[in-house]
Amino acid sequence: CVFVSQSGETKDTLESLSYAKGADAQTVGVVNVVGSEISRQTSCGIHLNAGSEIGVASTKAYTSQIVALVMFALQLSHDRCSKDVRRQEILAALHEMPYQIESSIKRIDEVTL
């Protein structure tokens, strides 16, 4: 079971984690805060290292979560030779993502005019 939380302290996620652990499930935490409750309670995890953000709408952590989960899924599918071409396409798109974001930011003035 995979548990995703920016803070690593989200109450409903922690409750679900407790339930999964009670059923002896393997658990993976995807968190931005090392040492958080979810990072301590899961079997293993992915630390996002997106940096701290103020506010609930955590853009850096959210973007990092998406990328981490896509990369995790790619790793899980690694033994499927039939998916090699698609996996390479996804990796290429991930590589281009920073440039696409930068391009979008530069166009903000065009959109807001």
N, C-alpha and C. Protein backbone atom coordinates (compact mmCIF):
# COMPACT_ATOMS: atom_id res chain seq x y z
N CYS A 1 0.84 -1.17 0.00
CA CYS A 1 0.00 0.00 0.00
C CYS A 1 0.90 1.24 0.00
N VAL A 2 0.51 2.21 -0.78
CA VAL A 2 1.29 3.45 -0.91
C VAL A 2 0.54 4.58 -0.23
N PHE A 3 1.24 5.32 0.62
CA PHE A 3 0.64 6.42 1.38
C PHE A 3 1.36 7.72 1.02
N VAL A 4 0.60 8.67 0.50
CA VAL A 4 1.16 9.92 -0.01
C VAL A 4 0.70 11.07 0.87
N SER A 5 1.67 11.87 1.35
CA SER A 5 1.35 13.00 2.21
C SER A 5 2.49 14.01 2.14
N GLN A 6 2.17 15.27 1.92
CA GLN A 6 3.21 16.30 1.89
C GLN A 6 3.85 16.41 3.27
N SER A 7 3.04 16.50 4.29
CA SER A 7 3.56 16.70 5.65
C SER A 7 4.01 15.40 6.30
N GLY A 8 3.42 14.30 5.88
CA GLY A 8 3.69 13.02 6.54
C GLY A 8 2.91 12.86 7.82
N GLU A 9 1.97 13.76 8.07
CA GLU A 9 1.19 13.75 9.31
C GLU A 9 -0.32 13.79 9.05
N THR A 10 -0.75 13.58 7.83
CA THR A 10 -2.16 13.68 7.46
C THR A 10 -2.98 12.62 8.21
N LYS A 11 -3.97 13.08 8.98
CA LYS A 11 -4.69 12.19 9.89
C LYS A 11 -5.36 11.01 9.19
N ASP A 12 -6.13 11.26 8.11
CA ASP A 12 -6.83 10.15 7.46
C ASP A 12 -5.86 9.18 6.80
N THR A 13 -4.73 9.69 6.33
CA THR A 13 -3.71 8.82 5.74
C THR A 13 -3.07 7.96 6.82
N LEU A 14 -2.82 8.55 7.98
CA LEU A 14 -2.27 7.79 9.10
C LEU A 14 -3.23 6.71 9.57
N GLU A 15 -4.53 7.02 9.57
CA GLU A 15 -5.52 6.01 9.96
C GLU A 15 -5.53 4.85 8.96
N SER A 16 -5.44 5.16 7.68
CA SER A 16 -5.39 4.12 6.65
C SER A 16 -4.11 3.29 6.78
N LEU A 17 -3.01 3.95 7.08
CA LEU A 17 -1.74 3.26 7.29
C LEU A 17 -1.84 2.29 8.46
N SER A 18 -2.44 2.72 9.53
CA SER A 18 -2.63 1.86 10.70
C SER A 18 -3.44 0.62 10.34
N TYR A 19 -4.50 0.82 9.56
CA TYR A 19 -5.34 -0.29 9.11
C TYR A 19 -4.53 -1.27 8.26
N ALA A 20 -3.74 -0.74 7.33
CA ALA A 20 -2.93 -1.59 6.45
C ALA A 20 -1.89 -2.38 7.24
N LYS A 21 -1.25 -1.70 8.18
CA LYS A 21 -0.26 -2.39 9.01
C LYS A 21 -0.91 -3.49 9.84
N GLY A 22 -2.15 -3.25 10.29
CA GLY A 22 -2.89 -4.26 11.04
C GLY A 22 -3.17 -5.50 10.22
N ALA A 23 -3.20 -5.35 8.90
CA ALA A 23 -3.43 -6.47 7.98
C ALA A 23 -2.10 -7.01 7.44
N ASP A 24 -0.99 -6.61 8.05
CA ASP A 24 0.36 -7.05 7.66
C ASP A 24 0.72 -6.70 6.21
N ALA A 25 0.21 -5.59 5.72
CA ALA A 25 0.51 -5.15 4.35
C ALA A 25 1.89 -4.50 4.31
N GLN A 26 2.56 -4.63 3.17
CA GLN A 26 3.78 -3.87 2.94
C GLN A 26 3.36 -2.43 2.66
N THR A 27 4.06 -1.48 3.23
CA THR A 27 3.66 -0.08 3.11
C THR A 27 4.82 0.78 2.60
N VAL A 28 4.47 1.72 1.74
CA VAL A 28 5.44 2.67 1.18
C VAL A 28 4.92 4.07 1.46
N GLY A 29 5.76 4.91 2.02
CA GLY A 29 5.38 6.30 2.26
C GLY A 29 6.03 7.22 1.24
N VAL A 30 5.26 8.15 0.71
CA VAL A 30 5.78 9.19 -0.19
C VAL A 30 5.52 10.51 0.52
N VAL A 31 6.58 11.06 1.13
CA VAL A 31 6.43 12.24 1.98
C VAL A 31 7.51 13.27 1.68
N ASN A 32 7.26 14.49 2.10
CA ASN A 32 8.22 15.56 1.93
C ASN A 32 8.98 15.85 3.22
N VAL A 33 8.55 15.26 4.32
CA VAL A 33 9.15 15.57 5.62
C VAL A 33 9.80 14.31 6.21
N VAL A 34 11.13 14.30 6.24
CA VAL A 34 11.86 13.20 6.84
C VAL A 34 11.57 13.18 8.33
N GLY A 35 11.35 12.01 8.88
CA GLY A 35 11.08 11.90 10.31
C GLY A 35 9.62 12.09 10.65
N SER A 36 8.77 12.33 9.67
CA SER A 36 7.33 12.47 9.92
C SER A 36 6.76 11.12 10.34
N GLU A 37 5.55 11.15 10.85
CA GLU A 37 4.91 9.93 11.33
C GLU A 37 4.80 8.88 10.22
N ILE A 38 4.38 9.29 9.04
CA ILE A 38 4.24 8.33 7.93
C ILE A 38 5.61 7.76 7.54
N SER A 39 6.64 8.60 7.51
CA SER A 39 7.97 8.10 7.15
C SER A 39 8.49 7.11 8.19
N ARG A 40 8.11 7.28 9.43
CA ARG A 40 8.54 6.35 10.48
C ARG A 40 7.73 5.06 10.50
N GLN A 41 6.46 5.15 10.13
CA GLN A 41 5.55 4.00 10.26
C GLN A 41 5.56 3.06 9.05
N THR A 42 5.98 3.54 7.88
CA THR A 42 5.93 2.70 6.68
C THR A 42 7.15 1.78 6.59
N SER A 43 6.99 0.71 5.80
CA SER A 43 8.07 -0.27 5.62
C SER A 43 9.26 0.35 4.89
N CYS A 44 8.98 1.20 3.92
CA CYS A 44 10.01 1.91 3.16
C CYS A 44 9.38 3.17 2.60
N GLY A 45 10.18 3.99 1.96
CA GLY A 45 9.58 5.23 1.48
C GLY A 45 10.38 5.98 0.45
N ILE A 46 9.73 7.02 -0.05
CA ILE A 46 10.33 7.94 -1.01
C ILE A 46 10.27 9.33 -0.37
N HIS A 47 11.45 9.92 -0.14
CA HIS A 47 11.49 11.28 0.39
C HIS A 47 11.58 12.24 -0.78
N LEU A 48 10.65 13.18 -0.85
CA LEU A 48 10.55 14.08 -2.00
C LEU A 48 11.62 15.16 -2.03
N ASN A 49 12.03 15.65 -0.87
CA ASN A 49 13.03 16.71 -0.79
C ASN A 49 12.63 17.93 -1.62
N ALA A 50 11.34 18.28 -1.59
CA ALA A 50 10.84 19.42 -2.37
C ALA A 50 11.01 20.74 -1.64
N GLY A 51 11.42 20.70 -0.39
CA GLY A 51 11.55 21.92 0.39
C GLY A 51 10.25 22.28 1.07
N SER A 52 10.34 23.16 2.05
CA SER A 52 9.15 23.53 2.81
C SER A 52 8.31 24.53 2.04
N GLU A 53 7.01 24.47 2.30
CA GLU A 53 6.06 25.42 1.70
C GLU A 53 5.07 25.83 2.76
N ILE A 54 4.61 27.05 2.66
CA ILE A 54 3.59 27.55 3.57
C ILE A 54 2.26 27.47 2.84
N GLY A 55 1.30 26.86 3.47
CA GLY A 55 -0.03 26.75 2.86
C GLY A 55 -0.36 25.32 2.50
N VAL A 56 -1.64 25.07 2.37
CA VAL A 56 -2.12 23.73 2.06
C VAL A 56 -1.85 23.38 0.60
N ALA A 57 -1.99 24.34 -0.30
CA ALA A 57 -1.77 24.10 -1.73
C ALA A 57 -0.27 24.11 -2.00
N SER A 58 0.36 22.98 -1.78
CA SER A 58 1.81 22.86 -1.85
C SER A 58 2.24 22.44 -3.25
N THR A 59 2.50 23.40 -4.11
CA THR A 59 2.77 23.14 -5.52
C THR A 59 4.04 22.31 -5.73
N LYS A 60 5.12 22.68 -5.05
CA LYS A 60 6.38 21.93 -5.22
C LYS A 60 6.22 20.49 -4.78
N ALA A 61 5.61 20.28 -3.63
CA ALA A 61 5.44 18.92 -3.12
C ALA A 61 4.50 18.12 -4.02
N TYR A 62 3.41 18.76 -4.48
CA TYR A 62 2.46 18.07 -5.35
C TYR A 62 3.13 17.63 -6.64
N THR A 63 3.89 18.52 -7.26
CA THR A 63 4.59 18.18 -8.50
C THR A 63 5.59 17.07 -8.24
N SER A 64 6.30 17.15 -7.14
CA SER A 64 7.27 16.11 -6.78
C SER A 64 6.58 14.78 -6.54
N GLN A 65 5.40 14.80 -5.91
CA GLN A 65 4.65 13.57 -5.69
C GLN A 65 4.29 12.90 -7.01
N ILE A 66 3.80 13.69 -7.95
CA ILE A 66 3.41 13.14 -9.26
C ILE A 66 4.62 12.50 -9.94
N VAL A 67 5.74 13.21 -9.97
CA VAL A 67 6.94 12.68 -10.61
C VAL A 67 7.42 11.42 -9.89
N ALA A 68 7.45 11.44 -8.57
CA ALA A 68 7.90 10.28 -7.80
C ALA A 68 7.01 9.07 -8.05
N LEU A 69 5.70 9.29 -8.09
CA LEU A 69 4.78 8.17 -8.31
C LEU A 69 4.90 7.62 -9.73
N VAL A 70 5.11 8.48 -10.71
CA VAL A 70 5.31 8.01 -12.08
C VAL A 70 6.60 7.19 -12.15
N MET A 71 7.67 7.68 -11.53
CA MET A 71 8.93 6.94 -11.54
C MET A 71 8.81 5.62 -10.80
N PHE A 72 8.06 5.60 -9.72
CA PHE A 72 7.80 4.37 -8.96
C PHE A 72 7.06 3.37 -9.84
N ALA A 73 6.04 3.84 -10.54
CA ALA A 73 5.27 2.97 -11.45
C ALA A 73 6.16 2.45 -12.58
N LEU A 74 7.03 3.29 -13.11
CA LEU A 74 7.95 2.85 -14.15
C LEU A 74 8.87 1.75 -13.64
N GLN A 75 9.33 1.91 -12.42
CA GLN A 75 10.20 0.89 -11.83
C GLN A 75 9.45 -0.42 -11.64
N LEU A 76 8.21 -0.33 -11.19
CA LEU A 76 7.40 -1.54 -10.99
C LEU A 76 7.13 -2.26 -12.31
N SER A 77 7.06 -1.51 -13.39
CA SER A 77 6.77 -2.11 -14.70
C SER A 77 8.03 -2.49 -15.46
N HIS A 78 9.17 -2.34 -14.84
CA HIS A 78 10.45 -2.52 -15.52
C HIS A 78 10.64 -3.92 -16.12
N ASP A 79 10.03 -4.93 -15.57
CA ASP A 79 10.22 -6.30 -16.07
C ASP A 79 9.34 -6.62 -17.28
N ARG A 80 8.53 -5.69 -17.72
CA ARG A 80 7.66 -5.90 -18.88
C ARG A 80 8.34 -5.37 -20.13
N CYS A 81 9.03 -6.23 -20.85
CA CYS A 81 9.74 -5.81 -22.07
C CYS A 81 8.80 -5.17 -23.08
N SER A 82 7.55 -5.61 -23.07
CA SER A 82 6.59 -5.08 -24.04
C SER A 82 6.30 -3.59 -23.80
N LYS A 83 6.69 -3.07 -22.66
CA LYS A 83 6.42 -1.67 -22.32
C LYS A 83 7.65 -0.78 -22.43
N ASP A 84 8.76 -1.31 -22.95
CA ASP A 84 10.00 -0.53 -23.01
C ASP A 84 9.86 0.77 -23.79
N VAL A 85 9.21 0.73 -24.94
CA VAL A 85 9.07 1.94 -25.76
C VAL A 85 8.26 2.99 -25.01
N ARG A 86 7.15 2.58 -24.42
CA ARG A 86 6.31 3.53 -23.68
C ARG A 86 7.06 4.09 -22.47
N ARG A 87 7.82 3.23 -21.79
CA ARG A 87 8.59 3.68 -20.63
C ARG A 87 9.60 4.75 -21.06
N GLN A 88 10.26 4.56 -22.19
CA GLN A 88 11.22 5.55 -22.68
C GLN A 88 10.54 6.86 -23.06
N GLU A 89 9.33 6.77 -23.61
CA GLU A 89 8.57 7.98 -23.93
C GLU A 89 8.24 8.77 -22.66
N ILE A 90 7.84 8.05 -21.63
CA ILE A 90 7.50 8.70 -20.36
C ILE A 90 8.74 9.34 -19.74
N LEU A 91 9.86 8.63 -19.75
CA LEU A 91 11.10 9.19 -19.20
C LEU A 91 11.53 10.43 -19.97
N ALA A 92 11.38 10.41 -21.28
CA ALA A 92 11.72 11.59 -22.10
C ALA A 92 10.82 12.76 -21.74
N ALA A 93 9.53 12.49 -21.53
CA ALA A 93 8.59 13.55 -21.15
C ALA A 93 8.93 14.11 -19.77
N LEU A 94 9.33 13.24 -18.84
CA LEU A 94 9.74 13.72 -17.51
C LEU A 94 10.98 14.61 -17.62
N HIS A 95 11.88 14.23 -18.49
CA HIS A 95 13.10 15.03 -18.69
C HIS A 95 12.76 16.42 -19.24
N GLU A 96 11.74 16.49 -20.07
CA GLU A 96 11.33 17.76 -20.68
C GLU A 96 10.49 18.63 -19.74
N MET A 97 9.96 18.04 -18.69
CA MET A 97 9.02 18.76 -17.82
C MET A 97 9.56 20.08 -17.27
N PRO A 98 10.78 20.15 -16.76
CA PRO A 98 11.26 21.45 -16.26
C PRO A 98 11.25 22.54 -17.33
N TYR A 99 11.59 22.17 -18.55
CA TYR A 99 11.60 23.14 -19.65
C TYR A 99 10.18 23.58 -20.00
N GLN A 100 9.24 22.65 -19.95
CA GLN A 100 7.84 22.98 -20.22
C GLN A 100 7.29 23.92 -19.14
N ILE A 101 7.64 23.64 -17.89
CA ILE A 101 7.20 24.50 -16.78
C ILE A 101 7.80 25.90 -16.93
N GLU A 102 9.08 25.95 -17.23
CA GLU A 102 9.74 27.25 -17.42
C GLU A 102 9.09 28.03 -18.56
N SER A 103 8.78 27.35 -19.65
CA SER A 103 8.13 28.00 -20.78
C SER A 103 6.75 28.53 -20.39
N SER A 104 6.02 27.76 -19.60
CA SER A 104 4.69 28.20 -19.15
C SER A 104 4.79 29.42 -18.25
N ILE A 105 5.76 29.42 -17.36
CA ILE A 105 5.94 30.56 -16.45
C ILE A 105 6.27 31.82 -17.25
N LYS A 106 7.09 31.68 -18.26
CA LYS A 106 7.45 32.84 -19.09
C LYS A 106 6.25 33.40 -19.84
N ARG A 107 5.23 32.58 -20.07
CA ARG A 107 4.06 33.01 -20.82
C ARG A 107 2.93 33.54 -19.93
N ILE A 108 3.15 33.62 -18.65
CA ILE A 108 2.11 34.09 -17.73
C ILE A 108 1.61 35.48 -18.13
N ASP A 109 2.53 36.36 -18.50
CA ASP A 109 2.12 37.72 -18.90
C ASP A 109 1.19 37.70 -20.11
N GLU A 110 1.43 36.80 -21.05
CA GLU A 110 0.57 36.70 -22.23
C GLU A 110 -0.84 36.26 -21.84
N VAL A 111 -0.92 35.36 -20.90
CA VAL A 111 -2.22 34.81 -20.49
C VAL A 111 -3.00 35.82 -19.67
N THR A 112 -2.32 36.61 -18.85
CA THR A 112 -3.01 37.53 -17.95
C THR A 112 -3.36 38.86 -18.59
N LEU A 113 -2.90 39.11 -19.78
CA LEU A 113 -3.21 40.39 -20.43
C LEU A 113 -4.61 40.44 -20.96
